[in-house]
Amino acid sequence: MQTFRREFQIKLQSVQDVQEFVAIATTMGFTVMVSDGLHRVNAHCFMEMFCLDLTRALTVSAQCTDVEFDRLRQAAQVFLAS
């Protein structure tokens, strides 16, 4: 099974949003990283997420298969940046 680095954009607007996104990321069997363009953190870590500038769209990246990426993106659909 081949893996690729995949990305999509999200917007987190509250502590509740961060908590829900971290819960989603931790259910994945692979590492999920989030970046604000300046900082890059592990999405499995609630405290690290608050190092990011949450006023901006965030880039979610993961080294995973197509199926895993689709599952992550679908689970995070409510947070997708337009």
Protein backbone atom coordinates (compact mmCIF):
# COMPACT_ATOMS: atom_id res chain seq x y z
CA MET A 1 0.00 0.00 0.00
CA GLN A 2 1.50 3.30 -1.09
CA THR A 3 1.32 6.39 1.11
CA PHE A 4 1.54 10.03 0.09
CA ARG A 5 1.63 13.31 1.95
CA ARG A 6 -1.82 14.87 1.65
CA GLU A 7 -3.14 18.25 2.79
CA PHE A 8 -6.34 20.20 3.28
CA GLN A 9 -7.33 23.45 5.00
CA ILE A 10 -9.45 23.80 8.15
CA LYS A 11 -10.71 26.65 10.33
CA LEU A 12 -10.98 26.19 14.10
CA GLN A 13 -12.86 29.00 15.85
CA SER A 14 -13.22 27.88 19.46
CA VAL A 15 -11.75 25.69 22.18
CA GLN A 16 -14.59 23.25 21.45
CA ASP A 17 -13.53 23.10 17.77
CA VAL A 18 -9.94 22.35 18.79
CA GLN A 19 -11.10 19.66 21.21
CA GLU A 20 -13.29 18.03 18.55
CA PHE A 21 -10.55 18.13 15.90
CA VAL A 22 -7.98 16.62 18.29
CA ALA A 23 -10.49 13.85 19.07
CA ILE A 24 -10.82 13.15 15.34
CA ALA A 25 -7.05 13.17 14.79
CA THR A 26 -6.40 10.77 17.65
CA THR A 27 -8.75 8.18 16.16
CA MET A 28 -6.59 7.99 13.05
CA GLY A 29 -3.92 5.29 12.93
CA PHE A 30 -1.34 7.71 11.52
CA THR A 31 0.21 11.03 12.49
CA VAL A 32 -1.77 14.15 11.63
CA MET A 33 0.10 17.45 11.61
CA VAL A 34 -1.38 20.97 11.58
CA SER A 35 0.38 24.18 10.50
CA ASP A 36 -0.48 27.87 10.56
CA GLY A 37 2.38 28.69 8.19
CA LEU A 38 4.79 29.50 11.00
CA HIS A 39 4.34 26.61 13.45
CA ARG A 40 3.74 22.92 12.77
CA VAL A 41 2.29 20.73 15.56
CA ASN A 42 0.99 17.23 16.14
CA ALA A 43 -2.82 17.29 15.94
CA HIS A 44 -2.99 14.53 18.55
CA CYS A 45 -1.78 17.00 21.21
CA PHE A 46 -4.46 19.36 22.53
CA MET A 47 -1.98 21.76 24.15
CA GLU A 48 0.26 22.00 21.07
CA MET A 49 -2.74 23.07 18.99
CA PHE A 50 -2.89 26.31 20.98
CA CYS A 51 0.58 27.28 19.69
CA LEU A 52 -1.11 27.92 16.34
CA ASP A 53 -2.70 31.15 15.14
CA LEU A 54 -6.34 30.07 15.20
CA THR A 55 -7.47 33.28 13.50
CA ARG A 56 -6.12 31.88 10.20
CA ALA A 57 -6.91 28.85 8.08
CA LEU A 58 -4.76 25.91 9.15
CA THR A 59 -3.15 23.29 6.92
CA VAL A 60 -3.73 19.69 7.95
CA SER A 61 -1.22 17.21 6.55
CA ALA A 62 -0.85 13.47 6.86
CA GLN A 63 1.40 10.79 5.39
CA CYS A 64 -1.22 8.16 4.64
CA THR A 65 -3.04 6.16 2.00
CA ASP A 66 -5.86 7.54 -0.12
CA VAL A 67 -8.43 5.64 1.92
CA GLU A 68 -7.04 6.94 5.22
CA PHE A 69 -6.92 10.50 3.88
CA ASP A 70 -10.53 10.31 2.70
CA ARG A 71 -11.57 9.05 6.15
CA LEU A 72 -9.73 11.93 7.88
CA ARG A 73 -11.12 14.57 5.53
CA GLN A 74 -14.66 13.20 5.87
CA ALA A 75 -14.42 13.17 9.69
CA ALA A 76 -13.14 16.78 9.68
CA GLN A 77 -15.62 18.00 7.07
CA VAL A 78 -17.35 20.40 9.47
CA PHE A 79 -14.04 22.28 9.89
CA LEU A 80 -13.06 22.54 6.21
CA ALA A 81 -12.08 26.05 5.16
CA SER A 82 -13.92 27.30 2.11
